[in-house]
PDB file of N, CA and C in Angstrom:
ATOM      1  N   MET A   1       0.834  -1.169   0.033  1.00  0.00           N
ATOM      2  CA  MET A   1      -0.122  -0.017  -0.096  1.00  0.00           C
ATOM      3  C   MET A   1       0.947   1.327  -0.073  1.00  0.00           C
ATOM      4  N   GLU A   2       2.021   1.261   0.708  1.00  0.00           N
ATOM      5  CA  GLU A   2       2.834   2.354   0.732  1.00  0.00           C
ATOM      6  C   GLU A   2       3.451   2.727  -0.645  1.00  0.00           C
ATOM      7  N   THR A   3       3.646   1.813  -1.542  1.00  0.00           N
ATOM      8  CA  THR A   3       4.125   2.007  -2.892  1.00  0.00           C
ATOM      9  C   THR A   3       2.934   2.676  -3.651  1.00  0.00           C
ATOM     10  N   LYS A   4       1.815   2.167  -3.463  1.00  0.00           N
ATOM     11  CA  LYS A   4       0.690   2.781  -4.232  1.00  0.00           C
ATOM     12  C   LYS A   4       0.549   4.262  -3.809  1.00  0.00           C
ATOM     13  N   ILE A   5       0.608   4.427  -2.508  1.00  0.00           N
ATOM     14  CA  ILE A   5       0.487   5.957  -1.983  1.00  0.00           C
ATOM     15  C   ILE A   5       1.697   6.707  -2.659  1.00  0.00           C
ATOM     16  N   LYS A   6       2.767   6.199  -2.614  1.00  0.00           N
ATOM     17  CA  LYS A   6       3.943   7.081  -3.229  1.00  0.00           C
ATOM     18  C   LYS A   6       3.750   7.346  -4.702  1.00  0.00           C
ATOM     19  N   GLU A   7       3.280   6.195  -5.435  1.00  0.00           N
ATOM     20  CA  GLU A   7       3.015   6.314  -6.897  1.00  0.00           C
ATOM     21  C   GLU A   7       1.846   7.390  -7.179  1.00  0.00           C
ATOM     22  N   LEU A   8       0.905   7.385  -6.399  1.00  0.00           N
ATOM     23  CA  LEU A   8      -0.178   8.296  -6.720  1.00  0.00           C
ATOM     24  C   LEU A   8       0.205   9.738  -6.418  1.00  0.00           C
ATOM     25  N   PHE A   9       0.900   9.877  -5.310  1.00  0.00           N
ATOM     26  CA  PHE A   9       1.538  11.240  -4.789  1.00  0.00           C
ATOM     27  C   PHE A   9       2.390  11.814  -5.974  1.00  0.00           C
ATOM     28  N   ALA A  10       3.224  10.932  -6.538  1.00  0.00           N
ATOM     29  CA  ALA A  10       4.157  11.378  -7.672  1.00  0.00           C
ATOM     30  C   ALA A  10       3.369  11.720  -8.744  1.00  0.00           C
ATOM     31  N   ALA A  11       2.419  10.928  -9.213  1.00  0.00           N
ATOM     32  CA  ALA A  11       1.545  11.018 -10.305  1.00  0.00           C
ATOM     33  C   ALA A  11       0.723  12.368 -10.302  1.00  0.00           C
ATOM     34  N   ILE A  12       0.265  12.755  -9.079  1.00  0.00           N
ATOM     35  CA  ILE A  12      -0.492  13.851  -8.953  1.00  0.00           C
ATOM     36  C   ILE A  12       0.303  15.069  -9.182  1.00  0.00           C
ATOM     37  N   LEU A  13       1.517  15.102  -8.456  1.00  0.00           N
ATOM     38  CA  LEU A  13       2.435  16.151  -8.623  1.00  0.00           C
ATOM     39  C   LEU A  13       3.257  16.142  -9.857  1.00  0.00           C
ATOM     40  N   ASN A  14       3.110  15.112 -10.718  1.00  0.00           N
ATOM     41  CA  ASN A  14       3.940  14.973 -11.960  1.00  0.00           C
ATOM     42  C   ASN A  14       5.262  15.103 -11.724  1.00  0.00           C
ATOM     43  N   VAL A  15       5.827  14.256 -10.745  1.00  0.00           N
ATOM     44  CA  VAL A  15       7.275  14.231 -10.491  1.00  0.00           C
ATOM     45  C   VAL A  15       7.763  12.712 -10.499  1.00  0.00           C
ATOM     46  N   ASP A  16       8.934  12.382 -10.535  1.00  0.00           N
ATOM     47  CA  ASP A  16       9.434  11.146 -10.537  1.00  0.00           C
ATOM     48  C   ASP A  16       9.291  10.537  -9.001  1.00  0.00           C
ATOM     49  N   ALA A  17       8.624   9.201  -8.946  1.00  0.00           N
ATOM     50  CA  ALA A  17       8.383   8.652  -7.735  1.00  0.00           C
ATOM     51  C   ALA A  17       9.589   8.413  -7.002  1.00  0.00           C
ATOM     52  N   ASP A  18      10.837   8.391  -7.563  1.00  0.00           N
ATOM     53  CA  ASP A  18      12.117   8.219  -6.975  1.00  0.00           C
ATOM     54  C   ASP A  18      12.532   9.421  -6.080  1.00  0.00           C
ATOM     55  N   ALA A  19      11.906  10.538  -6.532  1.00  0.00           N
ATOM     56  CA  ALA A  19      12.144  11.768  -5.672  1.00  0.00           C
ATOM     57  C   ALA A  19      11.289  11.819  -4.380  1.00  0.00           C
ATOM     58  N   ILE A  20      10.416  10.972  -4.237  1.00  0.00           N
ATOM     59  CA  ILE A  20       9.551  10.908  -3.024  1.00  0.00           C
ATOM     60  C   ILE A  20      10.131   9.930  -1.894  1.00  0.00           C
ATOM     61  N   ASN A  21      10.360  10.399  -0.785  1.00  0.00           N
ATOM     62  CA  ASN A  21      10.696   9.630   0.246  1.00  0.00           C
ATOM     63  C   ASN A  21      10.169  10.146   1.581  1.00  0.00           C
ATOM     64  N   ASP A  22      10.289   9.611   2.619  1.00  0.00           N
ATOM     65  CA  ASP A  22       9.613  10.006   3.915  1.00  0.00           C
ATOM     66  C   ASP A  22      10.059  11.386   4.361  1.00  0.00           C
ATOM     67  N   SER A  23      11.220  11.787   4.048  1.00  0.00           N
ATOM     68  CA  SER A  23      11.719  13.184   4.460  1.00  0.00           C
ATOM     69  C   SER A  23      11.382  14.249   3.455  1.00  0.00           C
ATOM     70  N   ALA A  24      10.730  13.831   2.295  1.00  0.00           N
ATOM     71  CA  ALA A  24      10.332  14.766   1.327  1.00  0.00           C
ATOM     72  C   ALA A  24       9.333  15.893   1.960  1.00  0.00           C
ATOM     73  N   THR A  25       9.612  17.133   1.534  1.00  0.00           N
ATOM     74  CA  THR A  25       8.823  18.296   2.171  1.00  0.00           C
ATOM     75  C   THR A  25       8.399  19.297   0.942  1.00  0.00           C
ATOM     76  N   PRO A  26       7.417  20.059   1.268  1.00  0.00           N
ATOM     77  CA  PRO A  26       7.152  20.989   0.140  1.00  0.00           C
ATOM     78  C   PRO A  26       8.311  21.817  -0.236  1.00  0.00           C
ATOM     79  N   SER A  27       9.313  22.015   0.658  1.00  0.00           N
ATOM     80  CA  SER A  27      10.419  22.858   0.187  1.00  0.00           C
ATOM     81  C   SER A  27      11.443  22.000  -0.618  1.00  0.00           C
ATOM     82  N   SER A  28      11.339  20.804  -0.525  1.00  0.00           N
ATOM     83  CA  SER A  28      12.381  19.939  -1.288  1.00  0.00           C
ATOM     84  C   SER A  28      11.689  19.388  -2.496  1.00  0.00           C
ATOM     85  N   ILE A  29      10.426  19.635  -2.681  1.00  0.00           N
ATOM     86  CA  ILE A  29       9.797  19.162  -3.989  1.00  0.00           C
ATOM     87  C   ILE A  29       9.010  20.425  -4.513  1.00  0.00           C
ATOM     88  N   ASP A  30       9.671  21.033  -5.552  1.00  0.00           N
ATOM     89  CA  ASP A  30       9.217  22.189  -6.041  1.00  0.00           C
ATOM     90  C   ASP A  30       7.690  22.397  -6.407  1.00  0.00           C
ATOM     91  N   ARG A  31       7.144  21.248  -7.024  1.00  0.00           N
ATOM     92  CA  ARG A  31       5.901  21.179  -7.466  1.00  0.00           C
ATOM     93  C   ARG A  31       4.849  20.975  -6.279  1.00  0.00           C
ATOM     94  N   TRP A  32       5.275  20.609  -5.069  1.00  0.00           N
ATOM     95  CA  TRP A  32       4.309  20.510  -3.924  1.00  0.00           C
ATOM     96  C   TRP A  32       4.244  21.918  -3.212  1.00  0.00           C
ATOM     97  N   ASP A  33       3.267  22.694  -3.872  1.00  0.00           N
ATOM     98  CA  ASP A  33       2.956  23.932  -3.182  1.00  0.00           C
ATOM     99  C   ASP A  33       1.556  23.825  -2.626  1.00  0.00           C
ATOM    100  N   SER A  34       1.013  24.900  -2.067  1.00  0.00           N
ATOM    101  CA  SER A  34      -0.246  24.898  -1.367  1.00  0.00           C
ATOM    102  C   SER A  34      -1.436  24.447  -2.256  1.00  0.00           C
ATOM    103  N   MET A  35      -1.415  24.989  -3.540  1.00  0.00           N
ATOM    104  CA  MET A  35      -2.458  24.668  -4.410  1.00  0.00           C
ATOM    105  C   MET A  35      -2.345  23.094  -4.788  1.00  0.00           C
ATOM    106  N   GLN A  36      -1.128  22.646  -5.074  1.00  0.00           N
ATOM    107  CA  GLN A  36      -1.017  21.183  -5.499  1.00  0.00           C
ATOM    108  C   GLN A  36      -1.357  20.427  -4.374  1.00  0.00           C
ATOM    109  N   HIS A  37      -1.055  20.827  -3.006  1.00  0.00           N
ATOM    110  CA  HIS A  37      -1.351  20.036  -1.824  1.00  0.00           C
ATOM    111  C   HIS A  37      -3.015  19.847  -1.774  1.00  0.00           C
ATOM    112  N   LEU A  38      -3.725  20.765  -2.231  1.00  0.00           N
ATOM    113  CA  LEU A  38      -5.326  20.537  -2.231  1.00  0.00           C
ATOM    114  C   LEU A  38      -5.610  19.550  -3.231  1.00  0.00           C
ATOM    115  N   PHE A  39      -4.955  19.468  -4.410  1.00  0.00           N
ATOM    116  CA  PHE A  39      -5.208  18.526  -5.326  1.00  0.00           C
ATOM    117  C   PHE A  39      -4.769  17.144  -4.922  1.00  0.00           C
ATOM    118  N   LEU A  40      -3.645  17.119  -4.138  1.00  0.00           N
ATOM    119  CA  LEU A  40      -3.245  15.744  -3.481  1.00  0.00           C
ATOM    120  C   LEU A  40      -4.176  15.297  -2.561  1.00  0.00           C
ATOM    121  N   VAL A  41      -4.685  16.080  -1.701  1.00  0.00           N
ATOM    122  CA  VAL A  41      -5.714  15.724  -0.599  1.00  0.00           C
ATOM    123  C   VAL A  41      -6.851  15.237  -1.336  1.00  0.00           C
ATOM    124  N   SER A  42      -7.472  16.026  -2.276  1.00  0.00           N
ATOM    125  CA  SER A  42      -8.703  15.533  -2.940  1.00  0.00           C
ATOM    126  C   SER A  42      -8.488  14.412  -3.816  1.00  0.00           C
ATOM    127  N   GLY A  43      -7.335  14.258  -4.447  1.00  0.00           N
ATOM    128  CA  GLY A  43      -7.004  12.916  -5.194  1.00  0.00           C
ATOM    129  C   GLY A  43      -6.918  11.617  -4.373  1.00  0.00           C
ATOM    130  N   PHE A  44      -6.497  11.926  -3.205  1.00  0.00           N
ATOM    131  CA  PHE A  44      -6.414  10.757  -2.308  1.00  0.00           C
ATOM    132  C   PHE A  44      -7.659  10.373  -1.700  1.00  0.00           C
ATOM    133  N   GLU A  45      -8.469  11.320  -1.399  1.00  0.00           N
ATOM    134  CA  GLU A  45      -9.794  11.160  -0.967  1.00  0.00           C
ATOM    135  C   GLU A  45     -10.630  10.395  -1.857  1.00  0.00           C
ATOM    136  N   GLU A  46     -10.549  10.758  -3.215  1.00  0.00           N
ATOM    137  CA  GLU A  46     -11.328  10.142  -4.410  1.00  0.00           C
ATOM    138  C   GLU A  46     -10.789   8.695  -4.580  1.00  0.00           C
ATOM    139  N   GLU A  47      -9.396   8.563  -4.698  1.00  0.00           N
ATOM    140  CA  GLU A  47      -8.945   7.190  -5.003  1.00  0.00           C
ATOM    141  C   GLU A  47      -9.222   6.214  -3.963  1.00  0.00           C
ATOM    142  N   PHE A  48      -9.113   6.580  -2.624  1.00  0.00           N
ATOM    143  CA  PHE A  48      -9.213   5.673  -1.665  1.00  0.00           C
ATOM    144  C   PHE A  48     -10.552   5.701  -0.894  1.00  0.00           C
ATOM    145  N   SER A  49     -11.421   6.611  -1.376  1.00  0.00           N
ATOM    146  CA  SER A  49     -12.751   6.715  -0.713  1.00  0.00           C
ATOM    147  C   SER A  49     -12.580   7.081   0.810  1.00  0.00           C
ATOM    148  N   ILE A  50     -11.888   8.029   1.113  1.00  0.00           N
ATOM    149  CA  ILE A  50     -11.656   8.379   2.432  1.00  0.00           C
ATOM    150  C   ILE A  50     -11.999   9.881   2.708  1.00  0.00           C
ATOM    151  N   ASP A  51     -12.134  10.278   3.966  1.00  0.00           N
ATOM    152  CA  ASP A  51     -12.407  11.673   4.229  1.00  0.00           C
ATOM    153  C   ASP A  51     -11.247  12.173   5.143  1.00  0.00           C
ATOM    154  N   ILE A  52     -10.615  13.287   4.629  1.00  0.00           N
ATOM    155  CA  ILE A  52      -9.624  13.835   5.348  1.00  0.00           C
ATOM    156  C   ILE A  52     -10.062  15.132   5.929  1.00  0.00           C
ATOM    157  N   ASP A  53      -9.971  15.399   7.237  1.00  0.00           N
ATOM    158  CA  ASP A  53     -10.465  16.512   8.019  1.00  0.00           C
ATOM    159  C   ASP A  53      -9.423  17.779   7.617  1.00  0.00           C
ATOM    160  N   PRO A  54      -9.898  18.964   7.584  1.00  0.00           N
ATOM    161  CA  PRO A  54      -9.053  20.013   7.394  1.00  0.00           C
ATOM    162  C   PRO A  54      -7.793  20.158   8.228  1.00  0.00           C
ATOM    163  N   GLU A  55      -7.903  19.815   9.493  1.00  0.00           N
ATOM    164  CA  GLU A  55      -6.717  19.785  10.330  1.00  0.00           C
ATOM    165  C   GLU A  55      -5.737  18.863   9.925  1.00  0.00           C
ATOM    166  N   GLU A  56      -6.264  17.674   9.649  1.00  0.00           N
ATOM    167  CA  GLU A  56      -5.366  16.634   9.048  1.00  0.00           C
ATOM    168  C   GLU A  56      -4.728  16.984   7.694  1.00  0.00           C
ATOM    169  N   ALA A  57      -5.375  17.766   6.736  1.00  0.00           N
ATOM    170  CA  ALA A  57      -4.835  18.219   5.688  1.00  0.00           C
ATOM    171  C   ALA A  57      -3.679  19.192   5.882  1.00  0.00           C
ATOM    172  N   VAL A  58      -3.788  19.940   6.863  1.00  0.00           N
ATOM    173  CA  VAL A  58      -2.796  20.908   7.264  1.00  0.00           C
ATOM    174  C   VAL A  58      -1.614  20.146   7.720  1.00  0.00           C
ATOM    175  N   ASP A  59      -1.780  19.120   8.430  1.00  0.00           N
ATOM    176  CA  ASP A  59      -0.753  18.346   9.163  1.00  0.00           C
ATOM    177  C   ASP A  59       0.109  17.759   7.853  1.00  0.00           C
ATOM    178  N   MET A  60      -0.755  17.253   6.863  1.00  0.00           N
ATOM    179  CA  MET A  60      -0.144  16.513   5.770  1.00  0.00           C
ATOM    180  C   MET A  60       0.825  17.251   4.931  1.00  0.00           C
ATOM    181  N   TYR A  61       0.778  18.637   5.199  1.00  0.00           N
ATOM    182  CA  TYR A  61       1.730  19.480   4.333  1.00  0.00           C
ATOM    183  C   TYR A  61       3.045  19.599   5.060  1.00  0.00           C
ATOM    184  N   LYS A  62       3.325  18.882   6.116  1.00  0.00           N
ATOM    185  CA  LYS A  62       4.544  18.927   6.808  1.00  0.00           C
ATOM    186  C   LYS A  62       5.554  18.153   5.969  1.00  0.00           C
ATOM    187  N   ASP A  63       5.332  16.929   5.745  1.00  0.00           N
ATOM    188  CA  ASP A  63       6.367  16.128   4.964  1.00  0.00           C
ATOM    189  C   ASP A  63       5.567  14.757   4.501  1.00  0.00           C
ATOM    190  N   PHE A  64       6.195  14.022   3.503  1.00  0.00           N
ATOM    191  CA  PHE A  64       5.583  12.838   3.009  1.00  0.00           C
ATOM    192  C   PHE A  64       5.277  11.765   4.099  1.00  0.00           C
ATOM    193  N   ALA A  65       6.218  11.805   4.996  1.00  0.00           N
ATOM    194  CA  ALA A  65       5.936  10.691   6.058  1.00  0.00           C
ATOM    195  C   ALA A  65       4.582  11.002   6.854  1.00  0.00           C
ATOM    196  N   THR A  66       4.408  12.179   7.275  1.00  0.00           N
ATOM    197  CA  THR A  66       3.172  12.621   7.804  1.00  0.00           C
ATOM    198  C   THR A  66       1.907  12.292   6.951  1.00  0.00           C
ATOM    199  N   PHE A  67       2.023  12.764   5.572  1.00  0.00           N
ATOM    200  CA  PHE A  67       1.026  12.557   4.569  1.00  0.00           C
ATOM    201  C   PHE A  67       0.718  11.038   4.550  1.00  0.00           C
ATOM    202  N   LYS A  68       1.633  10.236   4.262  1.00  0.00           N
ATOM    203  CA  LYS A  68       1.473   8.794   4.236  1.00  0.00           C
ATOM    204  C   LYS A  68       0.734   8.179   5.600  1.00  0.00           C
ATOM    205  N   LYS A  69       1.226   8.592   6.633  1.00  0.00           N
ATOM    206  CA  LYS A  69       0.694   8.175   7.919  1.00  0.00           C
ATOM    207  C   LYS A  69      -0.769   8.352   8.084  1.00  0.00           C
ATOM    208  N   ILE A  70      -1.209   9.675   7.675  1.00  0.00           N
ATOM    209  CA  ILE A  70      -2.598   9.995   7.862  1.00  0.00           C
ATOM    210  C   ILE A  70      -3.482   9.172   6.859  1.00  0.00           C
ATOM    211  N   VAL A  71      -2.857   9.093   5.628  1.00  0.00           N
ATOM    212  CA  VAL A  71      -3.714   8.254   4.639  1.00  0.00           C
ATOM    213  C   VAL A  71      -3.813   6.748   5.071  1.00  0.00           C
ATOM    214  N   LEU A  72      -2.772   6.257   5.446  1.00  0.00           N
ATOM    215  CA  LEU A  72      -2.732   4.813   5.972  1.00  0.00           C
ATOM    216  C   LEU A  72      -3.742   4.648   7.123  1.00  0.00           C
ATOM    217  N   SER A  73      -3.899   5.679   8.050  1.00  0.00           N
ATOM    218  CA  SER A  73      -4.720   5.546   9.258  1.00  0.00           C
ATOM    219  C   SER A  73      -6.138   5.597   8.746  1.00  0.00           C
ATOM    220  N   LYS A  74      -6.483   6.030   7.553  1.00  0.00           N
ATOM    221  CA  LYS A  74      -7.898   6.149   7.165  1.00  0.00           C
ATOM    222  C   LYS A  74      -8.269   4.810   6.223  1.00  0.00           C
ATOM    223  N   LEU A  75      -7.305   4.083   6.028  1.00  0.00           N
ATOM    224  CA  LEU A  75      -7.597   2.778   5.148  1.00  0.00           C
ATOM    225  C   LEU A  75      -8.006   1.587   6.108  1.00  0.00           C
TER     226      LEU A  75
END
């Protein structure tokens, strides 16, 4: 499941999946800005049929590890 999360994350941002790791942050991935983050959250909600609270969405903007952790907690 972690691979699928990473691949979807990379696909939505249109970046190479190899560029994504747990320490990846918006400052280390140019395409991960606040607008793209909204696309990420909604894309994951749609793909996995989950609901992400606004507070969680803010936390997910910290780094990929946090993003992944919150998605996994919803599955």
